[in-house]
N, C-alpha and C. Protein backbone atom coordinates (compact mmCIF):
# COMPACT_ATOMS: atom_id res chain seq x y z
N MET A 1 9.07 13.88 -2.07
CA MET A 1 7.70 14.18 -2.30
C MET A 1 7.22 14.82 -0.93
N THR A 2 6.61 15.98 -1.07
CA THR A 2 5.98 16.70 -0.17
C THR A 2 4.57 16.64 0.23
N GLY A 3 3.77 15.93 -0.51
CA GLY A 3 2.37 15.63 -0.11
C GLY A 3 1.73 14.72 -1.17
N THR A 4 0.43 14.52 -1.11
CA THR A 4 -0.35 13.71 -1.83
C THR A 4 -0.06 14.15 -3.27
N THR A 5 -0.18 12.66 -4.03
CA THR A 5 -0.14 12.92 -5.47
C THR A 5 -1.39 12.41 -6.08
N ARG A 6 -2.24 12.02 -5.29
CA ARG A 6 -3.43 11.60 -5.56
C ARG A 6 -4.58 12.41 -5.51
N SER A 7 -5.40 12.68 -6.28
CA SER A 7 -6.68 13.52 -6.28
C SER A 7 -7.86 12.70 -5.52
N SER A 8 -8.58 13.28 -4.70
CA SER A 8 -9.65 12.78 -4.07
C SER A 8 -10.84 12.68 -4.87
N ASN A 9 -10.67 13.18 -6.05
CA ASN A 9 -11.90 13.32 -6.95
C ASN A 9 -12.35 11.72 -7.05
N GLY A 10 -13.60 11.47 -7.01
CA GLY A 10 -13.90 10.18 -7.24
C GLY A 10 -14.13 9.36 -6.13
N LEU A 11 -13.53 9.74 -4.85
CA LEU A 11 -13.58 9.16 -3.89
C LEU A 11 -14.69 9.43 -2.80
N ASP A 12 -15.29 8.37 -2.16
CA ASP A 12 -16.53 8.86 -1.24
C ASP A 12 -15.91 9.36 -0.13
N ASP A 13 -16.85 10.13 0.64
CA ASP A 13 -16.56 10.96 1.74
C ASP A 13 -15.60 10.41 2.73
N ARG A 14 -15.91 9.00 3.03
CA ARG A 14 -15.04 8.27 4.18
C ARG A 14 -13.55 8.29 3.71
N ARG A 15 -13.41 7.78 2.29
CA ARG A 15 -11.83 7.70 1.83
C ARG A 15 -11.34 9.00 1.61
N LYS A 16 -12.09 10.26 1.42
CA LYS A 16 -11.45 11.45 1.23
C LYS A 16 -11.10 11.93 2.81
N ARG A 17 -11.78 11.47 3.74
CA ARG A 17 -11.29 11.87 4.94
C ARG A 17 -10.19 11.15 5.49
N LEU A 18 -10.04 9.96 5.15
CA LEU A 18 -8.92 9.20 5.41
C LEU A 18 -7.61 9.42 4.70
N LEU A 19 -7.76 9.76 3.31
CA LEU A 19 -6.56 10.28 2.64
C LEU A 19 -6.14 11.60 3.30
N PHE A 20 -6.81 12.56 3.64
CA PHE A 20 -6.50 13.74 4.26
C PHE A 20 -5.78 13.43 5.50
N ARG A 21 -6.53 12.56 6.51
CA ARG A 21 -6.02 12.26 7.93
C ARG A 21 -4.65 11.55 7.64
N CYS A 22 -4.31 10.75 6.64
CA CYS A 22 -3.05 9.96 6.40
C CYS A 22 -2.12 11.05 6.04
N TRP A 23 -2.35 11.94 5.35
CA TRP A 23 -1.13 13.17 5.00
C TRP A 23 -0.94 14.22 5.92
N HIS A 24 -1.97 14.31 7.00
CA HIS A 24 -1.78 15.35 8.04
C HIS A 24 -1.82 14.85 9.42
N ARG A 25 -0.71 14.10 9.73
CA ARG A 25 -0.58 13.41 10.82
C ARG A 25 0.10 14.23 12.03
N GLY A 26 0.92 15.21 11.67
CA GLY A 26 1.62 15.80 12.77
C GLY A 26 3.22 15.87 12.61
N THR A 27 3.52 14.61 12.21
CA THR A 27 5.03 14.41 11.94
C THR A 27 5.10 13.94 10.54
N ARG A 28 6.21 14.59 10.00
CA ARG A 28 6.43 14.25 8.58
C ARG A 28 6.72 12.84 8.22
N GLU A 29 7.36 12.13 9.11
CA GLU A 29 7.64 10.62 8.93
C GLU A 29 6.23 9.87 8.88
N MET A 30 5.21 10.10 9.61
CA MET A 30 4.20 9.48 9.70
C MET A 30 3.27 10.00 8.54
N ASP A 31 3.40 11.10 8.08
CA ASP A 31 2.70 11.67 6.71
C ASP A 31 3.28 10.91 5.70
N LEU A 32 4.56 10.58 5.53
CA LEU A 32 5.07 9.91 4.42
C LEU A 32 4.78 8.39 4.35
N ILE A 33 4.57 7.83 5.66
CA ILE A 33 4.41 6.42 5.60
C ILE A 33 2.86 6.12 5.27
N LEU A 34 2.00 6.97 6.00
CA LEU A 34 0.53 6.59 5.85
C LEU A 34 0.10 7.24 4.59
N GLY A 35 0.63 8.46 4.32
CA GLY A 35 0.31 9.18 3.07
C GLY A 35 0.58 8.44 1.85
N ARG A 36 1.81 8.15 1.75
CA ARG A 36 2.07 7.30 0.36
C ARG A 36 1.22 6.00 0.36
N PHE A 37 0.93 5.26 1.39
CA PHE A 37 0.26 4.25 1.26
C PHE A 37 -1.22 4.44 0.90
N ALA A 38 -1.80 5.48 1.43
CA ALA A 38 -3.08 6.04 1.16
C ALA A 38 -3.25 6.36 -0.39
N ASP A 39 -2.25 7.16 -0.73
CA ASP A 39 -2.31 7.56 -2.25
C ASP A 39 -2.34 6.34 -3.24
N ALA A 40 -1.60 5.12 -2.72
CA ALA A 40 -1.40 4.08 -3.74
C ALA A 40 -2.87 3.08 -3.60
N GLU A 41 -3.34 2.95 -2.26
CA GLU A 41 -4.13 2.11 -1.87
C GLU A 41 -5.77 2.42 -1.46
N ILE A 42 -6.05 3.55 -1.20
CA ILE A 42 -7.28 4.20 -0.71
C ILE A 42 -8.39 3.87 -1.49
N GLY A 43 -8.15 3.72 -2.98
CA GLY A 43 -9.34 3.46 -3.76
C GLY A 43 -9.74 1.97 -3.86
N ILE A 44 -8.89 1.15 -3.40
CA ILE A 44 -9.17 -0.46 -3.42
C ILE A 44 -9.25 -1.06 -2.11
N LEU A 45 -9.35 -0.28 -1.14
CA LEU A 45 -9.50 -0.87 0.21
C LEU A 45 -10.72 -1.33 0.68
N ALA A 46 -11.10 -2.57 1.03
CA ALA A 46 -12.43 -3.03 1.55
C ALA A 46 -12.98 -2.49 2.63
N ASP A 47 -14.11 -2.42 3.04
CA ASP A 47 -14.69 -1.82 4.29
C ASP A 47 -13.97 -2.06 5.67
N LEU A 48 -13.57 -3.56 5.64
CA LEU A 48 -12.90 -3.91 6.93
C LEU A 48 -11.47 -3.07 7.00
N GLU A 49 -10.97 -3.04 5.85
CA GLU A 49 -9.54 -2.41 5.82
C GLU A 49 -9.65 -0.90 5.92
N LEU A 50 -10.66 -0.36 5.44
CA LEU A 50 -10.80 1.21 5.98
C LEU A 50 -11.11 1.14 7.33
N LYS A 51 -11.73 0.49 8.07
CA LYS A 51 -11.99 0.42 9.59
C LYS A 51 -10.43 0.09 10.14
N GLN A 52 -9.75 -0.55 9.74
CA GLN A 52 -8.54 -0.79 10.29
C GLN A 52 -7.77 0.30 10.05
N LEU A 53 -7.69 1.01 8.98
CA LEU A 53 -6.88 2.19 8.74
C LEU A 53 -7.49 3.35 9.66
N GLU A 54 -8.80 3.47 9.73
CA GLU A 54 -9.18 4.40 10.69
C GLU A 54 -8.76 4.20 12.09
N ASP A 55 -8.75 2.94 12.60
CA ASP A 55 -8.13 2.78 13.86
C ASP A 55 -6.81 2.95 14.06
N LEU A 56 -5.86 2.83 12.89
CA LEU A 56 -4.42 3.21 13.02
C LEU A 56 -4.18 4.64 13.03
N VAL A 57 -5.18 5.29 12.14
CA VAL A 57 -4.95 6.85 12.17
C VAL A 57 -5.30 7.47 13.28
N GLY A 58 -6.19 6.70 14.20
CA GLY A 58 -6.58 7.28 15.42
C GLY A 58 -5.42 7.26 16.60
N LEU A 59 -4.38 6.39 16.32
CA LEU A 59 -3.29 6.30 17.29
C LEU A 59 -2.40 7.43 17.13
N GLU A 60 -1.76 7.92 18.29
CA GLU A 60 -0.78 8.92 18.34
C GLU A 60 0.47 8.49 17.55
N ASP A 61 1.07 9.33 16.82
CA ASP A 61 2.57 9.11 16.24
C ASP A 61 3.47 8.51 17.01
N PRO A 62 3.87 9.00 18.36
CA PRO A 62 4.66 8.20 19.13
C PRO A 62 4.27 6.93 19.47
N GLU A 63 3.17 6.36 19.39
CA GLU A 63 2.93 4.97 19.55
C GLU A 63 3.06 4.31 18.20
N LEU A 64 2.63 4.90 17.15
CA LEU A 64 2.43 4.06 15.84
C LEU A 64 3.87 4.22 15.16
N TYR A 65 4.57 5.30 14.89
CA TYR A 65 5.83 5.31 14.23
C TYR A 65 6.76 4.15 14.55
N PRO A 66 7.12 3.99 16.06
CA PRO A 66 8.07 2.75 16.56
C PRO A 66 7.43 1.52 15.94
N ALA A 67 6.11 1.38 15.77
CA ALA A 67 5.76 -0.17 15.27
C ALA A 67 6.00 -0.31 13.87
N PHE A 68 5.98 0.91 13.24
CA PHE A 68 6.17 0.93 11.64
C PHE A 68 7.71 0.49 11.50
N VAL A 69 8.46 1.10 12.21
CA VAL A 69 10.02 0.82 12.11
C VAL A 69 10.43 -0.29 12.83
N GLY A 70 9.84 -1.06 13.72
CA GLY A 70 10.17 -2.22 14.31
C GLY A 70 10.61 -2.14 15.66
N ASP A 71 10.66 -0.94 16.21
CA ASP A 71 11.20 -0.67 17.50
C ASP A 71 10.23 -1.24 18.69
N THR A 72 8.92 -1.29 18.28
CA THR A 72 7.89 -1.70 19.38
C THR A 72 6.87 -2.57 18.72
N GLN A 73 5.90 -3.07 19.49
CA GLN A 73 4.66 -3.59 18.83
C GLN A 73 3.58 -3.14 19.38
N LEU A 74 2.67 -2.96 18.42
CA LEU A 74 1.13 -2.45 19.00
C LEU A 74 0.50 -3.40 19.54
N ASP A 75 -0.65 -3.04 20.37
CA ASP A 75 -1.52 -3.85 20.84
C ASP A 75 -2.17 -4.67 19.66
N GLU A 76 -2.52 -5.97 20.08
CA GLU A 76 -2.88 -7.11 19.25
C GLU A 76 -4.03 -6.51 18.14
N GLN A 77 -4.91 -5.75 18.60
CA GLN A 77 -5.98 -5.31 17.86
C GLN A 77 -5.55 -4.56 16.70
N TYR A 78 -4.54 -3.91 16.68
CA TYR A 78 -4.04 -3.24 15.67
C TYR A 78 -3.01 -3.71 14.79
N ARG A 79 -2.48 -5.17 15.04
CA ARG A 79 -1.65 -5.74 14.16
C ARG A 79 -2.52 -6.57 13.42
N THR A 80 -3.11 -5.96 12.47
CA THR A 80 -3.92 -6.68 11.29
C THR A 80 -3.03 -6.91 9.96
N PRO A 81 -3.66 -7.59 9.08
CA PRO A 81 -3.00 -7.78 7.96
C PRO A 81 -2.65 -6.46 7.06
N LEU A 82 -3.80 -5.45 7.26
CA LEU A 82 -3.48 -4.11 6.72
C LEU A 82 -2.29 -3.58 7.44
N PHE A 83 -2.16 -3.61 8.69
CA PHE A 83 -0.95 -3.00 9.22
C PHE A 83 0.40 -3.62 8.48
N GLU A 84 0.18 -4.91 8.63
CA GLU A 84 1.40 -5.74 7.93
C GLU A 84 1.78 -5.14 6.32
N ARG A 85 0.56 -4.93 5.73
CA ARG A 85 0.68 -4.30 4.33
C ARG A 85 1.23 -3.08 4.21
N ILE A 86 0.94 -2.07 5.32
CA ILE A 86 1.63 -0.87 5.37
C ILE A 86 3.06 -0.99 5.61
N LYS A 87 3.42 -1.76 6.37
CA LYS A 87 4.82 -1.98 6.92
C LYS A 87 5.66 -2.29 5.68
N LEU A 88 5.09 -3.33 4.82
CA LEU A 88 5.64 -3.84 3.61
C LEU A 88 5.71 -2.90 2.64
N PHE A 89 4.66 -2.02 2.24
CA PHE A 89 4.73 -1.04 1.52
C PHE A 89 5.84 -0.06 1.85
N ARG A 90 5.87 0.32 2.96
CA ARG A 90 6.83 1.40 3.62
C ARG A 90 8.38 0.76 3.23
N ASN A 91 8.45 -0.28 3.33
CA ASN A 91 9.72 -0.85 2.98
C ASN A 91 10.15 -1.10 1.41
N LEU A 92 8.81 -1.15 0.78
CA LEU A 92 9.27 -1.19 -0.70
C LEU A 92 9.30 0.20 -1.25
N ASP A 93 8.76 1.08 -0.64
CA ASP A 93 8.57 2.52 -1.07
C ASP A 93 9.75 3.35 -0.66
N LYS A 94 10.80 2.81 0.02
CA LYS A 94 11.97 3.49 0.23
C LYS A 94 12.70 3.90 -0.84
N PRO A 95 13.33 5.18 -0.77
CA PRO A 95 13.99 5.71 -1.99
C PRO A 95 15.31 4.82 -1.98
N LEU A 96 15.82 4.50 -3.21
CA LEU A 96 16.98 3.75 -3.34
C LEU A 96 18.39 4.60 -3.16
């Protein structure tokens, strides 16, 4: 997969921006982690989860990627249930 498979049609502006930002991180690995999650979940995230995703997207890839692969931990404010959902999604979404 090289990019989003989800159309932004029908999404509000906030979700459209987040979907774009998840797929345009700067590193391919992070595009795939956050972009695939956003494709699957952006339409059903609650307001609190959208805020948590916005906070995660605001972090730099060198800080965020190691936390997703288990090499480091993020500051406590970022270790939310949404962060754990993304990590779980990443593990479930890996090619066999």
